[in-house]
């Protein structure tokens, strides 16, 4: 079910059921259970950031001076839409941020005028992305051969 939904979340219940060998009602019930148990976190649309005016993609490795600064740091980055993702890394007080910007100047301002000015931030290392080699959120649920068969069906 999850493989089929990841391959084509817009497929009808009838099509999904055909792919996995269930009736429409059984397919619908399984999807509802996957949503209820949060196995499916959300239904979303992925848009092209560059076509919407945000062609610059970068990652910012951000270090906090103290673990006490974490609450203020997280509150600040959560409200900025240019900060698309925030990951606390295994190293204490280190975060990786995924950033989007309209141009290089806006990216620099985001780093210098926003990130570096958050109280407790001791260092920011900014790396621009040249191009995206792979971009996806697919999570394997089946052996690779079976998953490949499902993705090519239809």
N, C-alpha and C. Protein backbone atom coordinates (compact mmCIF):
# COMPACT_ATOMS: atom_id res chain seq x y z
N UNK A 1 0.84 -1.19 0.00
CA UNK A 1 0.00 0.00 0.00
C UNK A 1 0.88 1.25 0.00
N UNK A 2 1.84 1.31 0.93
CA UNK A 2 2.69 2.50 1.01
C UNK A 2 3.53 2.68 -0.25
N UNK A 3 4.01 1.59 -0.80
CA UNK A 3 4.77 1.68 -2.05
C UNK A 3 3.90 2.26 -3.15
N UNK A 4 2.68 1.74 -3.27
CA UNK A 4 1.78 2.21 -4.32
C UNK A 4 1.42 3.68 -4.13
N UNK A 5 1.18 4.10 -2.90
CA UNK A 5 0.85 5.51 -2.64
C UNK A 5 2.04 6.42 -2.91
N UNK A 6 3.25 5.98 -2.55
CA UNK A 6 4.42 6.79 -2.83
C UNK A 6 4.68 6.91 -4.33
N UNK A 7 4.35 5.86 -5.06
CA UNK A 7 4.54 5.89 -6.51
C UNK A 7 3.55 6.83 -7.17
N UNK A 8 2.31 6.88 -6.66
CA UNK A 8 1.29 7.75 -7.25
C UNK A 8 0.18 7.99 -6.23
N UNK A 9 0.33 9.03 -5.44
CA UNK A 9 -0.65 9.34 -4.40
C UNK A 9 -1.97 9.85 -4.98
N UNK A 10 -1.98 10.22 -6.26
CA UNK A 10 -3.21 10.70 -6.89
C UNK A 10 -4.02 9.59 -7.53
N UNK A 11 -3.53 8.37 -7.47
CA UNK A 11 -4.27 7.25 -8.06
C UNK A 11 -5.61 7.09 -7.33
N UNK A 12 -6.60 6.67 -8.07
CA UNK A 12 -7.93 6.44 -7.47
C UNK A 12 -7.88 5.24 -6.54
N UNK A 13 -8.87 5.14 -5.66
CA UNK A 13 -8.96 3.98 -4.78
C UNK A 13 -9.07 2.70 -5.59
N UNK A 14 -9.80 2.76 -6.71
CA UNK A 14 -9.94 1.58 -7.57
C UNK A 14 -8.58 1.16 -8.13
N UNK A 15 -7.79 2.12 -8.59
CA UNK A 15 -6.47 1.82 -9.16
C UNK A 15 -5.53 1.30 -8.08
N UNK A 16 -5.51 1.94 -6.93
CA UNK A 16 -4.66 1.46 -5.84
C UNK A 16 -5.05 0.04 -5.43
N UNK A 17 -6.35 -0.18 -5.31
CA UNK A 17 -6.84 -1.52 -4.95
C UNK A 17 -6.43 -2.56 -5.97
N UNK A 18 -6.51 -2.20 -7.25
CA UNK A 18 -6.10 -3.13 -8.31
C UNK A 18 -4.62 -3.47 -8.17
N UNK A 19 -3.80 -2.46 -7.89
CA UNK A 19 -2.35 -2.68 -7.77
C UNK A 19 -1.98 -3.58 -6.60
N UNK A 20 -2.72 -3.48 -5.50
CA UNK A 20 -2.35 -4.25 -4.31
C UNK A 20 -3.28 -5.42 -4.03
N UNK A 21 -4.29 -5.59 -4.88
CA UNK A 21 -5.17 -6.75 -4.75
C UNK A 21 -6.23 -6.63 -3.68
N UNK A 22 -6.78 -5.41 -3.49
CA UNK A 22 -7.85 -5.20 -2.51
C UNK A 22 -9.04 -4.52 -3.17
N UNK A 23 -10.20 -4.65 -2.52
CA UNK A 23 -11.39 -3.94 -2.99
C UNK A 23 -11.23 -2.45 -2.69
N UNK A 24 -12.10 -1.64 -3.28
CA UNK A 24 -12.07 -0.19 -3.04
C UNK A 24 -12.29 0.10 -1.55
N UNK A 25 -13.27 -0.56 -0.95
CA UNK A 25 -13.56 -0.29 0.46
C UNK A 25 -12.41 -0.73 1.36
N UNK A 26 -11.80 -1.87 1.07
CA UNK A 26 -10.66 -2.33 1.87
C UNK A 26 -9.46 -1.39 1.69
N UNK A 27 -9.26 -0.91 0.48
CA UNK A 27 -8.17 0.04 0.21
C UNK A 27 -8.40 1.32 0.99
N UNK A 28 -9.63 1.82 0.95
CA UNK A 28 -9.97 3.04 1.67
C UNK A 28 -9.76 2.86 3.17
N UNK A 29 -10.16 1.73 3.70
CA UNK A 29 -10.01 1.46 5.13
C UNK A 29 -8.53 1.40 5.52
N UNK A 30 -7.72 0.76 4.70
CA UNK A 30 -6.28 0.68 5.00
C UNK A 30 -5.65 2.07 4.98
N UNK A 31 -6.03 2.90 4.03
CA UNK A 31 -5.49 4.26 3.97
C UNK A 31 -5.90 5.04 5.22
N UNK A 32 -7.16 4.90 5.62
CA UNK A 32 -7.61 5.60 6.84
C UNK A 32 -6.81 5.15 8.06
N UNK A 33 -6.51 3.86 8.16
CA UNK A 33 -5.71 3.36 9.28
C UNK A 33 -4.28 3.89 9.22
N UNK A 34 -3.72 3.97 8.02
CA UNK A 34 -2.36 4.50 7.88
C UNK A 34 -2.30 5.97 8.29
N UNK A 35 -3.34 6.71 7.99
CA UNK A 35 -3.42 8.12 8.39
C UNK A 35 -3.62 8.21 9.91
N UNK A 36 -4.53 7.40 10.45
CA UNK A 36 -4.83 7.43 11.88
C UNK A 36 -3.62 7.08 12.74
N UNK A 37 -2.78 6.17 12.26
CA UNK A 37 -1.59 5.77 13.01
C UNK A 37 -0.39 6.65 12.69
N UNK A 38 -0.59 7.66 11.86
CA UNK A 38 0.45 8.61 11.45
C UNK A 38 1.57 7.97 10.64
N UNK A 39 1.30 6.78 10.08
CA UNK A 39 2.25 6.19 9.13
C UNK A 39 2.31 7.10 7.90
N UNK A 40 1.14 7.62 7.51
CA UNK A 40 1.07 8.68 6.50
C UNK A 40 0.92 9.97 7.29
N UNK A 41 1.93 10.84 7.22
CA UNK A 41 1.92 12.07 8.01
C UNK A 41 1.08 13.17 7.37
N UNK A 42 1.08 13.24 6.05
CA UNK A 42 0.32 14.30 5.39
C UNK A 42 0.20 13.99 3.91
N UNK A 43 -0.73 14.68 3.27
CA UNK A 43 -0.88 14.66 1.82
C UNK A 43 -0.44 16.05 1.38
N UNK A 44 0.44 16.10 0.43
CA UNK A 44 1.02 17.39 0.08
C UNK A 44 1.31 17.49 -1.42
N UNK A 45 1.65 18.68 -1.82
CA UNK A 45 2.08 18.94 -3.20
C UNK A 45 3.49 19.48 -3.13
N UNK A 46 4.37 18.97 -3.94
CA UNK A 46 5.74 19.49 -4.01
C UNK A 46 5.81 20.46 -5.18
N UNK A 47 6.22 21.66 -4.90
CA UNK A 47 6.29 22.68 -5.94
C UNK A 47 7.75 22.92 -6.33
N UNK A 48 7.95 23.52 -7.48
CA UNK A 48 9.27 23.85 -7.98
C UNK A 48 9.67 25.21 -7.40
N UNK A 49 10.57 25.21 -6.44
CA UNK A 49 10.98 26.44 -5.75
C UNK A 49 11.58 27.45 -6.72
N UNK A 50 12.37 27.00 -7.66
CA UNK A 50 13.00 27.91 -8.63
C UNK A 50 11.95 28.62 -9.47
N UNK A 51 10.94 27.90 -9.90
CA UNK A 51 9.88 28.51 -10.72
C UNK A 51 9.03 29.48 -9.91
N UNK A 52 9.05 29.36 -8.59
CA UNK A 52 8.32 30.28 -7.72
C UNK A 52 9.20 31.45 -7.27
N UNK A 53 10.41 31.53 -7.81
CA UNK A 53 11.27 32.66 -7.51
C UNK A 53 12.30 32.43 -6.44
N UNK A 54 12.52 31.17 -6.05
CA UNK A 54 13.52 30.84 -5.03
C UNK A 54 14.51 29.82 -5.59
N UNK A 55 15.34 30.23 -6.54
CA UNK A 55 16.25 29.27 -7.17
C UNK A 55 17.49 28.92 -6.35
N UNK A 56 17.81 29.71 -5.33
CA UNK A 56 19.03 29.47 -4.55
C UNK A 56 18.71 28.54 -3.39
N UNK A 57 19.44 27.44 -3.35
CA UNK A 57 19.32 26.44 -2.29
C UNK A 57 20.66 26.37 -1.58
N UNK A 58 20.62 26.34 -0.26
CA UNK A 58 21.85 26.26 0.51
C UNK A 58 21.60 25.51 1.81
N UNK A 59 22.69 25.08 2.40
CA UNK A 59 22.64 24.47 3.72
C UNK A 59 23.52 25.30 4.65
N UNK A 60 23.04 25.51 5.85
CA UNK A 60 23.78 26.27 6.85
C UNK A 60 24.04 25.38 8.05
N UNK A 61 25.31 25.10 8.29
CA UNK A 61 25.69 24.38 9.49
C UNK A 61 25.82 25.43 10.58
N UNK A 62 24.98 25.33 11.59
CA UNK A 62 24.88 26.36 12.62
C UNK A 62 25.24 25.77 13.98
N UNK A 63 26.15 26.45 14.67
CA UNK A 63 26.60 26.00 15.98
C UNK A 63 26.11 26.96 17.05
N UNK A 64 25.60 26.40 18.13
CA UNK A 64 25.17 27.20 19.27
C UNK A 64 26.27 27.22 20.33
N UNK A 65 26.38 28.34 21.04
CA UNK A 65 27.39 28.47 22.08
C UNK A 65 27.10 27.55 23.26
N UNK A 66 25.82 27.33 23.53
CA UNK A 66 25.43 26.52 24.69
C UNK A 66 24.12 25.80 24.37
N UNK A 67 23.92 24.67 24.99
CA UNK A 67 22.65 23.96 24.79
C UNK A 67 21.49 24.75 25.38
N UNK A 68 21.76 25.70 26.25
CA UNK A 68 20.72 26.56 26.81
C UNK A 68 20.12 27.49 25.76
N UNK A 69 20.83 27.71 24.65
CA UNK A 69 20.38 28.61 23.59
C UNK A 69 19.41 27.93 22.61
N UNK A 70 19.19 26.65 22.76
CA UNK A 70 18.41 25.89 21.80
C UNK A 70 16.98 26.38 21.65
N UNK A 71 16.28 26.65 22.71
CA UNK A 71 14.88 27.05 22.65
C UNK A 71 14.71 28.33 21.84
N UNK A 72 15.55 29.33 22.11
CA UNK A 72 15.45 30.61 21.38
C UNK A 72 15.81 30.43 19.91
N UNK A 73 16.83 29.61 19.64
CA UNK A 73 17.25 29.34 18.27
C UNK A 73 16.13 28.67 17.48
N UNK A 74 15.56 27.62 18.04
CA UNK A 74 14.48 26.89 17.35
C UNK A 74 13.26 27.77 17.14
N UNK A 75 12.92 28.58 18.11
CA UNK A 75 11.77 29.49 17.95
C UNK A 75 12.02 30.46 16.80
N UNK A 76 13.24 30.94 16.67
CA UNK A 76 13.56 31.90 15.61
C UNK A 76 13.51 31.25 14.23
N UNK A 77 14.10 30.06 14.07
CA UNK A 77 14.15 29.45 12.73
C UNK A 77 12.80 28.88 12.30
N UNK A 78 11.97 28.49 13.25
CA UNK A 78 10.67 27.89 12.90
C UNK A 78 9.74 28.87 12.19
N UNK A 79 9.87 30.14 12.46
CA UNK A 79 8.94 31.12 11.87
C UNK A 79 9.44 31.71 10.56
N UNK A 80 10.65 31.37 10.14
CA UNK A 80 11.18 31.90 8.89
C UNK A 80 10.90 30.91 7.76
N UNK A 81 10.08 31.28 6.78
CA UNK A 81 9.77 30.34 5.70
C UNK A 81 10.99 30.00 4.84
N UNK A 82 11.99 30.86 4.82
CA UNK A 82 13.20 30.58 4.04
C UNK A 82 13.99 29.42 4.63
N UNK A 83 13.78 29.14 5.92
CA UNK A 83 14.39 27.98 6.56
C UNK A 83 13.40 26.84 6.36
N UNK A 84 13.68 26.00 5.38
CA UNK A 84 12.75 24.94 5.02
C UNK A 84 12.82 23.75 5.96
N UNK A 85 14.01 23.43 6.42
CA UNK A 85 14.18 22.27 7.28
C UNK A 85 15.25 22.58 8.31
N UNK A 86 15.13 21.94 9.48
CA UNK A 86 16.08 22.14 10.57
C UNK A 86 16.35 20.79 11.22
N UNK A 87 17.62 20.40 11.25
CA UNK A 87 18.00 19.11 11.81
C UNK A 87 19.03 19.29 12.92
N UNK A 88 18.71 18.88 14.15
CA UNK A 88 19.75 18.81 15.18
C UNK A 88 20.66 17.63 14.82
N UNK A 89 21.95 17.88 14.73
CA UNK A 89 22.90 16.82 14.36
C UNK A 89 23.39 16.08 15.59
N UNK A 90 24.08 14.97 15.36
CA UNK A 90 24.55 14.14 16.47
C UNK A 90 25.52 14.90 17.38
N UNK A 91 26.33 15.78 16.78
CA UNK A 91 27.24 16.59 17.60
C UNK A 91 26.40 17.60 18.39
N UNK A 92 26.68 17.71 19.65
CA UNK A 92 25.93 18.60 20.53
C UNK A 92 26.00 20.04 20.04
N UNK A 93 24.85 20.73 20.04
CA UNK A 93 24.73 22.15 19.70
C UNK A 93 24.94 22.45 18.22
N UNK A 94 24.89 21.45 17.36
CA UNK A 94 25.11 21.64 15.93
C UNK A 94 23.81 21.34 15.18
N UNK A 95 23.44 22.24 14.26
CA UNK A 95 22.21 22.12 13.49
C UNK A 95 22.52 22.29 12.01
N UNK A 96 21.78 21.55 11.18
CA UNK A 96 21.86 21.73 9.73
C UNK A 96 20.53 22.29 9.27
N UNK A 97 20.59 23.42 8.57
CA UNK A 97 19.39 24.09 8.07
C UNK A 97 19.39 24.05 6.55
N UNK A 98 18.23 23.79 5.98
CA UNK A 98 18.04 23.88 4.54
C UNK A 98 17.39 25.23 4.27
N UNK A 99 18.04 26.03 3.43
CA UNK A 99 17.59 27.39 3.17
C UNK A 99 17.24 27.60 1.70
N UNK A 100 16.26 28.47 1.44
CA UNK A 100 15.90 28.88 0.09
C UNK A 100 15.98 30.40 0.02
N UNK A 101 16.42 30.92 -1.12
CA UNK A 101 16.52 32.37 -1.30
C UNK A 101 16.29 32.72 -2.77
N UNK A 102 15.96 33.99 -2.99
CA UNK A 102 15.73 34.48 -4.36
C UNK A 102 17.03 34.67 -5.12
N UNK A 103 18.07 35.07 -4.40
CA UNK A 103 19.37 35.29 -5.04
C UNK A 103 20.47 35.19 -3.99
N UNK A 104 21.72 35.33 -4.46
CA UNK A 104 22.87 35.20 -3.56
C UNK A 104 22.84 36.26 -2.47
N UNK A 105 22.45 37.49 -2.81
CA UNK A 105 22.41 38.57 -1.82
C UNK A 105 21.39 38.27 -0.73
N UNK A 106 20.23 37.74 -1.10
CA UNK A 106 19.22 37.39 -0.09
C UNK A 106 19.71 36.26 0.79
N UNK A 107 20.43 35.31 0.22
CA UNK A 107 20.99 34.21 1.01
C UNK A 107 22.00 34.74 2.02
N UNK A 108 22.88 35.63 1.56
CA UNK A 108 23.88 36.21 2.47
C UNK A 108 23.20 37.00 3.59
N UNK A 109 22.14 37.73 3.24
CA UNK A 109 21.41 38.48 4.28
C UNK A 109 20.75 37.53 5.27
N UNK A 110 20.23 36.43 4.78
CA UNK A 110 19.62 35.45 5.67
C UNK A 110 20.65 34.91 6.66
N UNK A 111 21.85 34.65 6.18
CA UNK A 111 22.91 34.15 7.06
C UNK A 111 23.41 35.24 8.00
N UNK A 112 23.73 36.40 7.45
CA UNK A 112 24.36 37.46 8.25
C UNK A 112 23.40 38.26 9.11
N UNK A 113 22.25 38.61 8.55
CA UNK A 113 21.32 39.49 9.26
C UNK A 113 20.29 38.73 10.09
N UNK A 114 20.17 37.44 9.83
CA UNK A 114 19.21 36.65 10.61
C UNK A 114 19.94 35.60 11.47
N UNK A 115 20.54 34.59 10.82
CA UNK A 115 21.11 33.47 11.58
C UNK A 115 22.19 33.90 12.56
N UNK A 116 23.14 34.68 12.09
CA UNK A 116 24.26 35.06 12.95
C UNK A 116 23.83 36.02 14.07
N UNK A 117 22.65 36.59 13.96
CA UNK A 117 22.17 37.52 14.99
C UNK A 117 21.23 36.87 16.01
N UNK A 118 20.93 35.61 15.83
CA UNK A 118 20.12 34.91 16.83
C UNK A 118 20.98 34.75 18.08
N UNK A 119 20.50 35.18 19.23
CA UNK A 119 21.29 35.03 20.46
C UNK A 119 21.70 33.57 20.68
N UNK A 120 22.97 33.37 20.95
CA UNK A 120 23.49 32.04 21.20
C UNK A 120 24.14 31.37 20.01
N UNK A 121 23.95 31.91 18.81
CA UNK A 121 24.59 31.32 17.63
C UNK A 121 26.06 31.74 17.64
N UNK A 122 26.94 30.75 17.66
CA UNK A 122 28.38 31.07 17.70
C UNK A 122 29.05 30.95 16.35
N UNK A 123 28.46 30.16 15.42
CA UNK A 123 29.07 30.01 14.09
C UNK A 123 28.02 29.58 13.09
N UNK A 124 28.20 30.07 11.86
CA UNK A 124 27.35 29.65 10.74
C UNK A 124 28.27 29.40 9.56
N UNK A 125 28.20 28.19 9.00
CA UNK A 125 28.95 27.86 7.79
C UNK A 125 27.93 27.60 6.69
N UNK A 126 27.96 28.45 5.68
CA UNK A 126 26.97 28.43 4.61
C UNK A 126 27.55 27.75 3.38
N UNK A 127 26.80 26.82 2.79
CA UNK A 127 27.21 26.14 1.56
C UNK A 127 26.08 26.19 0.55
N UNK A 128 26.33 26.85 -0.59
CA UNK A 128 25.32 26.88 -1.66
C UNK A 128 25.35 25.58 -2.44
N UNK A 129 24.19 25.18 -2.90
CA UNK A 129 24.05 23.96 -3.70
C UNK A 129 24.17 24.35 -5.17
N UNK A 130 25.05 23.64 -5.92
CA UNK A 130 25.22 23.92 -7.35
C UNK A 130 24.01 23.45 -8.15
N UNK A 131 23.62 22.21 -7.89
CA UNK A 131 22.48 21.61 -8.57
C UNK A 131 21.95 20.49 -7.69
N UNK A 132 20.73 20.08 -7.93
CA UNK A 132 20.15 19.00 -7.14
C UNK A 132 20.34 17.70 -7.91
N UNK A 133 21.11 16.79 -7.35
CA UNK A 133 21.36 15.51 -7.99
C UNK A 133 20.22 14.53 -7.74
N UNK A 134 19.65 14.57 -6.56
CA UNK A 134 18.51 13.70 -6.22
C UNK A 134 17.68 14.43 -5.18
N UNK A 135 16.39 14.46 -5.40
CA UNK A 135 15.48 15.16 -4.50
C UNK A 135 14.21 14.33 -4.37
N UNK A 136 14.00 13.74 -3.23
CA UNK A 136 12.81 12.92 -3.06
C UNK A 136 12.63 12.53 -1.62
N UNK A 137 11.45 12.02 -1.33
CA UNK A 137 11.15 11.60 0.02
C UNK A 137 10.69 10.15 0.06
N UNK A 138 10.98 9.39 -0.99
CA UNK A 138 10.60 7.99 -1.05
C UNK A 138 11.25 7.21 0.09
N UNK A 139 10.47 6.41 0.79
CA UNK A 139 10.96 5.54 1.85
C UNK A 139 10.69 4.09 1.44
N UNK A 140 11.72 3.25 1.32
CA UNK A 140 11.50 1.87 0.90
C UNK A 140 10.65 1.10 1.90
N UNK A 141 9.68 0.37 1.38
CA UNK A 141 8.79 -0.44 2.22
C UNK A 141 8.84 -1.91 1.84
N UNK A 142 9.32 -2.18 0.65
CA UNK A 142 9.39 -3.54 0.13
C UNK A 142 10.81 -3.82 -0.35
N UNK A 143 11.13 -5.09 -0.61
CA UNK A 143 12.41 -5.37 -1.27
C UNK A 143 12.50 -4.56 -2.56
N UNK A 144 13.68 -4.16 -2.93
CA UNK A 144 13.89 -3.26 -4.07
C UNK A 144 13.23 -3.75 -5.36
N UNK A 145 13.27 -5.05 -5.63
CA UNK A 145 12.70 -5.57 -6.87
C UNK A 145 11.17 -5.37 -6.91
N UNK A 146 10.51 -5.66 -5.81
CA UNK A 146 9.05 -5.53 -5.75
C UNK A 146 8.66 -4.05 -5.83
N UNK A 147 9.40 -3.18 -5.16
CA UNK A 147 9.11 -1.75 -5.19
C UNK A 147 9.28 -1.21 -6.60
N UNK A 148 10.32 -1.63 -7.32
CA UNK A 148 10.55 -1.16 -8.68
C UNK A 148 9.41 -1.58 -9.59
N UNK A 149 8.89 -2.80 -9.40
CA UNK A 149 7.76 -3.27 -10.20
C UNK A 149 6.54 -2.39 -9.97
N UNK A 150 6.25 -2.04 -8.73
CA UNK A 150 5.08 -1.20 -8.42
C UNK A 150 5.21 0.19 -9.01
N UNK A 151 6.42 0.75 -8.96
CA UNK A 151 6.62 2.12 -9.46
C UNK A 151 6.48 2.20 -10.96
N UNK A 152 6.68 1.09 -11.68
CA UNK A 152 6.58 1.12 -13.13
C UNK A 152 5.21 0.73 -13.64
N UNK A 153 4.36 0.24 -12.76
CA UNK A 153 3.00 -0.16 -13.15
C UNK A 153 2.16 1.08 -13.40
N UNK A 154 1.32 1.02 -14.43
CA UNK A 154 0.36 2.10 -14.65
C UNK A 154 0.91 3.18 -15.47
